[in-house]
N, C-alpha and C. Protein backbone atom coordinates (compact mmCIF):
# COMPACT_ATOMS: atom_id res chain seq x y z
N MET A 1 -12.24 4.22 6.20
CA MET A 1 -11.57 2.96 5.86
C MET A 1 -11.10 2.28 7.14
N SER A 2 -11.21 0.98 7.16
CA SER A 2 -10.76 0.21 8.31
C SER A 2 -9.23 0.18 8.35
N LYS A 3 -8.70 -0.23 9.49
CA LYS A 3 -7.25 -0.38 9.64
C LYS A 3 -6.71 -1.39 8.62
N ASP A 4 -7.48 -2.46 8.37
CA ASP A 4 -7.05 -3.46 7.39
C ASP A 4 -6.95 -2.86 5.99
N SER A 5 -7.93 -2.03 5.63
CA SER A 5 -7.88 -1.37 4.31
C SER A 5 -6.71 -0.41 4.21
N GLN A 6 -6.48 0.34 5.28
CA GLN A 6 -5.34 1.26 5.30
C GLN A 6 -4.03 0.48 5.16
N LEU A 7 -3.93 -0.63 5.86
CA LEU A 7 -2.72 -1.46 5.77
C LEU A 7 -2.57 -2.02 4.35
N ALA A 8 -3.67 -2.43 3.74
CA ALA A 8 -3.61 -2.97 2.38
C ALA A 8 -3.13 -1.92 1.39
N VAL A 9 -3.61 -0.68 1.52
CA VAL A 9 -3.13 0.40 0.65
C VAL A 9 -1.64 0.60 0.87
N THR A 10 -1.21 0.60 2.12
CA THR A 10 0.21 0.80 2.45
C THR A 10 1.08 -0.29 1.83
N VAL A 11 0.68 -1.55 1.98
CA VAL A 11 1.53 -2.62 1.46
C VAL A 11 1.52 -2.66 -0.07
N LEU A 12 0.39 -2.31 -0.68
CA LEU A 12 0.37 -2.26 -2.15
C LEU A 12 1.24 -1.11 -2.66
N MET A 13 1.30 -0.03 -1.91
CA MET A 13 2.20 1.06 -2.30
C MET A 13 3.65 0.60 -2.19
N GLU A 14 3.97 -0.15 -1.15
CA GLU A 14 5.32 -0.70 -1.00
C GLU A 14 5.66 -1.60 -2.18
N VAL A 15 4.73 -2.45 -2.54
CA VAL A 15 4.96 -3.35 -3.68
C VAL A 15 5.15 -2.53 -4.95
N GLY A 16 4.28 -1.55 -5.17
CA GLY A 16 4.38 -0.72 -6.37
C GLY A 16 5.65 0.10 -6.43
N LEU A 17 6.08 0.64 -5.28
CA LEU A 17 7.29 1.47 -5.25
C LEU A 17 8.57 0.67 -5.45
N HIS A 18 8.56 -0.60 -5.07
CA HIS A 18 9.78 -1.39 -5.10
C HIS A 18 9.76 -2.57 -6.07
N GLU A 19 8.68 -2.72 -6.84
CA GLU A 19 8.59 -3.92 -7.68
C GLU A 19 9.57 -3.90 -8.85
N HIS A 20 10.13 -2.73 -9.19
CA HIS A 20 11.16 -2.69 -10.24
C HIS A 20 12.41 -3.44 -9.79
N GLU A 21 12.53 -3.71 -8.49
CA GLU A 21 13.65 -4.46 -7.94
C GLU A 21 13.36 -5.96 -7.92
N GLY A 22 12.18 -6.36 -8.37
CA GLY A 22 11.75 -7.76 -8.33
C GLY A 22 10.63 -7.92 -7.31
N PRO A 23 10.22 -9.17 -7.08
CA PRO A 23 9.16 -9.39 -6.10
C PRO A 23 9.54 -8.81 -4.73
N VAL A 24 8.59 -8.20 -4.06
CA VAL A 24 8.84 -7.57 -2.77
C VAL A 24 8.50 -8.57 -1.67
N SER A 25 9.45 -8.84 -0.82
CA SER A 25 9.27 -9.85 0.22
C SER A 25 8.53 -9.29 1.43
N LEU A 26 7.92 -10.19 2.19
CA LEU A 26 7.26 -9.78 3.43
C LEU A 26 8.29 -9.19 4.39
N ALA A 27 9.49 -9.76 4.41
CA ALA A 27 10.54 -9.27 5.31
C ALA A 27 10.90 -7.82 4.99
N ALA A 28 10.95 -7.47 3.72
CA ALA A 28 11.27 -6.09 3.34
C ALA A 28 10.18 -5.14 3.81
N ILE A 29 8.93 -5.52 3.63
CA ILE A 29 7.82 -4.67 4.07
C ILE A 29 7.81 -4.58 5.59
N GLN A 30 8.03 -5.71 6.23
CA GLN A 30 8.03 -5.75 7.69
C GLN A 30 9.12 -4.84 8.27
N SER A 31 10.29 -4.83 7.66
CA SER A 31 11.38 -4.01 8.19
C SER A 31 11.11 -2.52 8.02
N ARG A 32 10.38 -2.16 6.98
CA ARG A 32 10.08 -0.74 6.75
C ARG A 32 8.90 -0.23 7.56
N HIS A 33 7.99 -1.14 7.95
CA HIS A 33 6.76 -0.69 8.60
C HIS A 33 6.48 -1.34 9.95
N ASP A 34 7.32 -2.24 10.39
CA ASP A 34 7.15 -2.89 11.68
C ASP A 34 5.75 -3.50 11.84
N ILE A 35 5.39 -4.35 10.88
CA ILE A 35 4.11 -5.05 10.87
C ILE A 35 4.41 -6.54 11.02
N SER A 36 3.64 -7.24 11.82
CA SER A 36 3.92 -8.66 12.04
C SER A 36 3.75 -9.45 10.74
N THR A 37 4.53 -10.50 10.63
CA THR A 37 4.47 -11.37 9.46
C THR A 37 3.09 -11.99 9.32
N THR A 38 2.51 -12.39 10.43
CA THR A 38 1.17 -13.00 10.41
C THR A 38 0.15 -12.03 9.82
N ARG A 39 0.20 -10.79 10.27
CA ARG A 39 -0.74 -9.77 9.76
C ARG A 39 -0.53 -9.53 8.28
N LEU A 40 0.73 -9.45 7.86
CA LEU A 40 1.02 -9.26 6.44
C LEU A 40 0.52 -10.43 5.61
N GLU A 41 0.71 -11.64 6.11
CA GLU A 41 0.24 -12.82 5.38
C GLU A 41 -1.27 -12.79 5.21
N GLN A 42 -1.99 -12.36 6.24
CA GLN A 42 -3.45 -12.27 6.16
C GLN A 42 -3.87 -11.24 5.10
N VAL A 43 -3.22 -10.09 5.10
CA VAL A 43 -3.55 -9.03 4.14
C VAL A 43 -3.25 -9.51 2.72
N PHE A 44 -2.05 -10.07 2.51
CA PHE A 44 -1.69 -10.52 1.17
C PHE A 44 -2.55 -11.69 0.70
N SER A 45 -3.03 -12.50 1.61
CA SER A 45 -3.93 -13.58 1.23
C SER A 45 -5.21 -13.01 0.62
N LYS A 46 -5.77 -11.98 1.24
CA LYS A 46 -6.98 -11.35 0.71
C LYS A 46 -6.69 -10.64 -0.61
N LEU A 47 -5.55 -9.97 -0.69
CA LEU A 47 -5.18 -9.27 -1.93
C LEU A 47 -4.96 -10.25 -3.07
N ARG A 48 -4.39 -11.41 -2.76
CA ARG A 48 -4.16 -12.45 -3.78
C ARG A 48 -5.48 -13.04 -4.25
N ARG A 49 -6.40 -13.32 -3.30
CA ARG A 49 -7.72 -13.85 -3.68
C ARG A 49 -8.50 -12.87 -4.54
N SER A 50 -8.25 -11.58 -4.36
CA SER A 50 -8.93 -10.55 -5.16
C SER A 50 -8.17 -10.23 -6.44
N HIS A 51 -7.11 -10.98 -6.72
CA HIS A 51 -6.32 -10.84 -7.94
C HIS A 51 -5.66 -9.47 -8.08
N LEU A 52 -5.26 -8.89 -6.93
CA LEU A 52 -4.55 -7.61 -6.97
C LEU A 52 -3.04 -7.81 -6.92
N VAL A 53 -2.60 -8.95 -6.37
CA VAL A 53 -1.17 -9.26 -6.35
C VAL A 53 -0.95 -10.69 -6.80
N ASP A 54 0.26 -10.93 -7.29
CA ASP A 54 0.72 -12.28 -7.60
C ASP A 54 1.88 -12.57 -6.66
N SER A 55 2.07 -13.84 -6.35
CA SER A 55 3.17 -14.20 -5.46
C SER A 55 4.14 -15.13 -6.16
N THR A 56 5.39 -15.05 -5.72
CA THR A 56 6.45 -15.92 -6.20
C THR A 56 7.06 -16.58 -4.98
N ARG A 57 7.16 -17.89 -5.00
CA ARG A 57 7.73 -18.63 -3.86
C ARG A 57 9.23 -18.80 -4.01
N GLY A 58 9.84 -19.14 -2.88
CA GLY A 58 11.25 -19.48 -2.89
C GLY A 58 12.16 -18.30 -2.66
N PRO A 59 13.48 -18.58 -2.72
CA PRO A 59 14.46 -17.50 -2.53
C PRO A 59 14.25 -16.42 -3.59
N GLY A 60 14.28 -15.19 -3.16
CA GLY A 60 14.04 -14.09 -4.09
C GLY A 60 12.57 -13.90 -4.39
N GLY A 61 11.71 -14.65 -3.71
CA GLY A 61 10.28 -14.55 -3.94
C GLY A 61 9.66 -13.39 -3.19
N GLY A 62 8.39 -13.22 -3.41
CA GLY A 62 7.66 -12.14 -2.77
C GLY A 62 6.41 -11.83 -3.56
N TYR A 63 6.01 -10.58 -3.55
CA TYR A 63 4.76 -10.17 -4.19
C TYR A 63 5.01 -9.09 -5.22
N CYS A 64 4.18 -9.11 -6.27
CA CYS A 64 4.19 -8.05 -7.28
C CYS A 64 2.73 -7.78 -7.63
N LEU A 65 2.51 -6.63 -8.24
CA LEU A 65 1.14 -6.27 -8.63
C LEU A 65 0.67 -7.22 -9.72
N ALA A 66 -0.58 -7.62 -9.67
CA ALA A 66 -1.13 -8.55 -10.65
C ALA A 66 -1.54 -7.85 -11.94
N MET A 67 -1.62 -6.53 -11.89
CA MET A 67 -1.99 -5.74 -13.07
C MET A 67 -1.34 -4.37 -12.94
N ALA A 68 -1.44 -3.59 -13.98
CA ALA A 68 -0.85 -2.25 -13.97
C ALA A 68 -1.48 -1.42 -12.85
N SER A 69 -0.65 -0.58 -12.22
CA SER A 69 -1.12 0.20 -11.07
C SER A 69 -2.27 1.15 -11.42
N GLU A 70 -2.35 1.58 -12.68
CA GLU A 70 -3.46 2.47 -13.05
C GLU A 70 -4.80 1.72 -13.12
N LYS A 71 -4.76 0.40 -13.16
CA LYS A 71 -6.00 -0.39 -13.21
C LYS A 71 -6.50 -0.79 -11.82
N ILE A 72 -5.71 -0.49 -10.79
CA ILE A 72 -6.10 -0.82 -9.42
C ILE A 72 -6.57 0.46 -8.74
N SER A 73 -7.83 0.47 -8.32
CA SER A 73 -8.35 1.65 -7.62
C SER A 73 -8.31 1.41 -6.12
N VAL A 74 -8.36 2.49 -5.37
CA VAL A 74 -8.42 2.36 -3.92
C VAL A 74 -9.70 1.60 -3.53
N ALA A 75 -10.77 1.79 -4.28
CA ALA A 75 -12.01 1.06 -4.01
C ALA A 75 -11.78 -0.45 -4.17
N ASP A 76 -10.99 -0.86 -5.17
CA ASP A 76 -10.69 -2.29 -5.35
C ASP A 76 -9.98 -2.85 -4.12
N ILE A 77 -9.07 -2.05 -3.58
CA ILE A 77 -8.30 -2.49 -2.41
C ILE A 77 -9.22 -2.61 -1.20
N VAL A 78 -10.06 -1.61 -1.00
CA VAL A 78 -11.00 -1.64 0.13
C VAL A 78 -11.94 -2.83 0.00
N LEU A 79 -12.46 -3.08 -1.20
CA LEU A 79 -13.37 -4.22 -1.39
C LEU A 79 -12.67 -5.57 -1.16
N ALA A 80 -11.37 -5.61 -1.43
CA ALA A 80 -10.62 -6.85 -1.17
C ALA A 80 -10.57 -7.13 0.33
N MET A 81 -10.50 -6.06 1.11
CA MET A 81 -10.38 -6.22 2.56
C MET A 81 -11.74 -6.26 3.26
N GLU A 82 -12.72 -5.54 2.70
CA GLU A 82 -14.04 -5.42 3.31
C GLU A 82 -15.10 -5.66 2.24
N PRO A 83 -15.44 -6.91 1.98
CA PRO A 83 -16.44 -7.18 0.94
C PRO A 83 -17.73 -6.40 1.18
N ALA A 84 -18.32 -5.91 0.09
CA ALA A 84 -19.51 -5.06 0.18
C ALA A 84 -20.67 -5.76 0.88
N GLU A 85 -20.80 -7.07 0.70
CA GLU A 85 -21.92 -7.79 1.29
C GLU A 85 -21.86 -7.79 2.81
N ALA A 86 -20.68 -7.61 3.38
CA ALA A 86 -20.55 -7.66 4.84
C ALA A 86 -21.32 -6.54 5.50
N GLY A 87 -21.47 -5.41 4.83
CA GLY A 87 -22.15 -4.27 5.43
C GLY A 87 -23.63 -4.21 5.12
N LEU A 88 -24.14 -5.08 4.27
CA LEU A 88 -25.55 -5.03 3.88
C LEU A 88 -26.39 -5.95 4.75
N ARG A 89 -27.59 -5.50 5.05
CA ARG A 89 -28.52 -6.32 5.81
C ARG A 89 -29.33 -7.19 4.86
N ALA A 90 -29.78 -8.30 5.37
CA ALA A 90 -30.57 -9.22 4.56
C ALA A 90 -32.03 -8.75 4.45
N THR A 91 -32.47 -7.89 5.33
CA THR A 91 -33.87 -7.47 5.33
C THR A 91 -34.11 -6.30 4.39
N GLN A 92 -35.31 -6.15 3.94
CA GLN A 92 -35.69 -5.06 3.05
C GLN A 92 -36.16 -3.83 3.84
N ASP A 93 -36.38 -3.98 5.13
CA ASP A 93 -36.88 -2.89 5.97
C ASP A 93 -35.71 -2.04 6.47
N PHE A 94 -35.30 -1.09 5.63
CA PHE A 94 -34.21 -0.20 6.01
C PHE A 94 -34.76 0.96 6.82
N LEU A 95 -34.07 1.32 7.85
CA LEU A 95 -34.39 2.54 8.57
C LEU A 95 -33.85 3.71 7.77
N VAL A 96 -34.30 4.91 8.09
CA VAL A 96 -33.81 6.11 7.40
C VAL A 96 -32.29 6.19 7.54
N SER A 97 -31.79 5.91 8.73
CA SER A 97 -30.34 5.99 8.95
C SER A 97 -29.61 4.93 8.13
N ASP A 98 -30.21 3.75 7.95
CA ASP A 98 -29.59 2.71 7.13
C ASP A 98 -29.45 3.16 5.68
N ARG A 99 -30.53 3.77 5.16
CA ARG A 99 -30.48 4.27 3.78
C ARG A 99 -29.44 5.38 3.65
N LEU A 100 -29.39 6.24 4.64
CA LEU A 100 -28.41 7.32 4.63
C LEU A 100 -26.99 6.77 4.57
N TRP A 101 -26.70 5.80 5.41
CA TRP A 101 -25.35 5.21 5.43
C TRP A 101 -25.05 4.45 4.15
N GLN A 102 -26.05 3.80 3.60
CA GLN A 102 -25.86 3.08 2.35
C GLN A 102 -25.53 4.08 1.22
N GLN A 103 -26.25 5.19 1.17
CA GLN A 103 -25.98 6.21 0.16
C GLN A 103 -24.59 6.83 0.36
N LEU A 104 -24.25 7.08 1.61
CA LEU A 104 -22.94 7.65 1.91
C LEU A 104 -21.82 6.68 1.51
N ASN A 105 -22.01 5.42 1.81
CA ASN A 105 -21.02 4.41 1.41
C ASN A 105 -20.88 4.33 -0.11
N GLN A 106 -21.98 4.47 -0.83
CA GLN A 106 -21.91 4.46 -2.30
C GLN A 106 -21.13 5.66 -2.81
N LYS A 107 -21.33 6.82 -2.22
CA LYS A 107 -20.59 8.03 -2.62
C LYS A 107 -19.09 7.87 -2.34
N ILE A 108 -18.79 7.35 -1.17
CA ILE A 108 -17.38 7.12 -0.82
C ILE A 108 -16.76 6.13 -1.80
N HIS A 109 -17.48 5.06 -2.10
CA HIS A 109 -16.97 4.06 -3.05
C HIS A 109 -16.70 4.70 -4.42
N GLN A 110 -17.61 5.57 -4.88
CA GLN A 110 -17.43 6.24 -6.16
C GLN A 110 -16.16 7.10 -6.14
N GLU A 111 -15.95 7.81 -5.05
CA GLU A 111 -14.74 8.65 -4.93
C GLU A 111 -13.48 7.79 -4.93
N LEU A 112 -13.50 6.71 -4.17
CA LEU A 112 -12.33 5.83 -4.10
C LEU A 112 -12.07 5.12 -5.43
N GLN A 113 -13.14 4.88 -6.19
CA GLN A 113 -13.00 4.27 -7.52
C GLN A 113 -12.21 5.18 -8.45
N GLY A 114 -12.29 6.49 -8.21
CA GLY A 114 -11.60 7.45 -9.06
C GLY A 114 -10.14 7.69 -8.69
N ILE A 115 -9.65 7.01 -7.66
CA ILE A 115 -8.26 7.17 -7.25
C ILE A 115 -7.52 5.87 -7.53
N SER A 116 -6.53 5.94 -8.41
CA SER A 116 -5.79 4.72 -8.76
C SER A 116 -4.54 4.59 -7.90
N LEU A 117 -4.07 3.37 -7.80
CA LEU A 117 -2.81 3.11 -7.09
C LEU A 117 -1.68 3.88 -7.77
N ARG A 118 -1.75 4.01 -9.07
CA ARG A 118 -0.71 4.76 -9.79
C ARG A 118 -0.66 6.22 -9.33
N GLN A 119 -1.82 6.83 -9.10
CA GLN A 119 -1.85 8.20 -8.60
C GLN A 119 -1.20 8.29 -7.22
N LEU A 120 -1.49 7.34 -6.36
CA LEU A 120 -0.90 7.33 -5.03
C LEU A 120 0.62 7.15 -5.11
N LEU A 121 1.06 6.25 -6.00
CA LEU A 121 2.49 6.02 -6.17
C LEU A 121 3.18 7.27 -6.69
N GLY A 122 2.54 7.95 -7.64
CA GLY A 122 3.11 9.18 -8.18
C GLY A 122 3.26 10.25 -7.10
N ALA A 123 2.24 10.39 -6.27
CA ALA A 123 2.28 11.36 -5.17
C ALA A 123 3.39 11.00 -4.18
N GLN A 124 3.55 9.71 -3.90
CA GLN A 124 4.60 9.28 -2.96
C GLN A 124 5.99 9.51 -3.54
N ARG A 125 6.16 9.23 -4.83
CA ARG A 125 7.46 9.46 -5.47
C ARG A 125 7.81 10.95 -5.47
N LEU A 126 6.81 11.79 -5.72
CA LEU A 126 7.04 13.23 -5.68
C LEU A 126 7.44 13.67 -4.28
N GLU A 127 6.75 13.17 -3.29
CA GLU A 127 7.08 13.51 -1.90
C GLU A 127 8.49 13.06 -1.55
N ASP A 128 8.87 11.85 -1.98
CA ASP A 128 10.23 11.34 -1.73
C ASP A 128 11.27 12.22 -2.41
N ALA A 129 11.00 12.63 -3.64
CA ALA A 129 11.95 13.49 -4.37
C ALA A 129 12.08 14.84 -3.68
N GLN A 130 10.98 15.40 -3.21
CA GLN A 130 11.03 16.68 -2.50
C GLN A 130 11.81 16.54 -1.19
N ARG A 131 11.63 15.43 -0.50
CA ARG A 131 12.36 15.19 0.74
C ARG A 131 13.86 15.09 0.46
N GLN A 132 14.23 14.39 -0.61
CA GLN A 132 15.64 14.28 -0.97
C GLN A 132 16.23 15.64 -1.31
N THR A 133 15.46 16.48 -2.00
CA THR A 133 15.93 17.83 -2.33
C THR A 133 16.14 18.65 -1.06
N ARG A 134 15.18 18.59 -0.14
CA ARG A 134 15.32 19.32 1.13
C ARG A 134 16.53 18.82 1.91
N ASN A 135 16.72 17.50 1.93
CA ASN A 135 17.87 16.93 2.64
C ASN A 135 19.18 17.38 2.01
N ALA A 136 19.22 17.42 0.68
CA ALA A 136 20.43 17.86 -0.02
C ALA A 136 20.72 19.32 0.31
N GLN A 137 19.68 20.13 0.40
CA GLN A 137 19.86 21.55 0.73
C GLN A 137 20.35 21.74 2.17
N ARG A 138 20.03 20.79 3.04
CA ARG A 138 20.46 20.87 4.44
C ARG A 138 21.78 20.14 4.67
N GLY A 139 22.41 19.66 3.61
CA GLY A 139 23.68 18.95 3.75
C GLY A 139 23.52 17.50 4.14
N LEU A 140 22.36 16.92 3.85
CA LEU A 140 22.12 15.51 4.12
C LEU A 140 22.08 14.77 2.81
N ARG A 141 22.45 13.50 2.82
CA ARG A 141 22.32 12.70 1.63
C ARG A 141 21.85 11.31 2.02
N ALA A 142 21.22 10.63 1.09
CA ALA A 142 20.72 9.29 1.37
C ALA A 142 21.87 8.30 1.29
N VAL A 143 21.91 7.42 2.27
CA VAL A 143 22.96 6.40 2.32
C VAL A 143 22.29 5.04 2.24
N ARG A 144 22.74 4.22 1.33
CA ARG A 144 22.16 2.88 1.16
C ARG A 144 22.73 1.98 2.25
N PRO A 145 21.87 1.33 3.00
CA PRO A 145 22.34 0.41 4.04
C PRO A 145 22.96 -0.84 3.41
N ASN A 146 23.68 -1.59 4.23
CA ASN A 146 24.31 -2.83 3.76
C ASN A 146 23.28 -3.88 3.38
N LYS A 147 22.13 -3.87 4.05
CA LYS A 147 21.09 -4.86 3.77
C LYS A 147 20.11 -4.28 2.75
N PRO A 148 19.84 -4.97 1.65
CA PRO A 148 18.96 -4.44 0.61
C PRO A 148 17.51 -4.28 1.04
N ASP A 149 17.08 -4.98 2.10
CA ASP A 149 15.68 -4.87 2.50
C ASP A 149 15.46 -3.81 3.57
N MET A 150 16.50 -3.05 3.90
CA MET A 150 16.33 -1.98 4.87
C MET A 150 16.09 -0.66 4.16
N PRO A 151 15.37 0.25 4.82
CA PRO A 151 15.07 1.54 4.18
C PRO A 151 16.29 2.44 4.12
N TRP A 152 16.23 3.41 3.23
CA TRP A 152 17.27 4.43 3.15
C TRP A 152 16.94 5.48 4.18
N TRP A 153 17.91 6.23 4.62
CA TRP A 153 17.65 7.31 5.54
C TRP A 153 18.67 8.42 5.33
N PRO A 154 18.31 9.67 5.69
CA PRO A 154 19.24 10.77 5.50
C PRO A 154 20.35 10.75 6.55
N VAL A 155 21.58 11.03 6.13
CA VAL A 155 22.73 11.06 7.03
C VAL A 155 23.48 12.35 6.75
N PRO A 156 23.92 13.09 7.79
CA PRO A 156 24.68 14.31 7.54
C PRO A 156 25.90 14.02 6.69
N SER A 157 26.21 14.93 5.75
CA SER A 157 27.33 14.74 4.83
C SER A 157 28.64 14.53 5.55
N ALA A 158 28.86 15.22 6.66
CA ALA A 158 30.10 15.09 7.40
C ALA A 158 30.30 13.67 7.91
N ILE A 159 29.23 13.00 8.29
CA ILE A 159 29.33 11.62 8.78
C ILE A 159 29.53 10.67 7.61
N SER A 160 28.78 10.86 6.53
CA SER A 160 28.83 9.92 5.42
C SER A 160 30.12 10.07 4.61
N ALA A 161 30.84 11.20 4.74
CA ALA A 161 32.07 11.39 3.99
C ALA A 161 33.23 10.60 4.59
N SER A 162 33.11 10.22 5.85
CA SER A 162 34.20 9.51 6.51
C SER A 162 34.19 8.05 6.22
């Protein structure tokens, strides 16, 4: 997967993980991942054209998933960023290596089609819950920052109790 596809999966996971709070703003994603606003706008433009996200303008605006997370596959996200036609040649004279790569790309696409955004979100939520449990066992607890668009982080209990 290209860096753009990886970034698209990352931002869609951010939207999916936080959309219960309302539309997810570019500023919120940018603060959690240190990605330029211009780059985020380019990614979301492609995701919007592929009907994977909807946008809301104005204060409190941002992005939300355009459909249920179980209906969005990783293959859909990759195709939004890297259209299939871009990798195909116009000629019918394929070399052996061209056919090999085409077959390999089809297999990869089939595998990615079987992975939904919902599965990725579930795995991330499980990982977050396990991290919170480990932090609690080590005497750390999550502290909500004053700014709602900033990430949570573990803080030693002795510091957070004061």
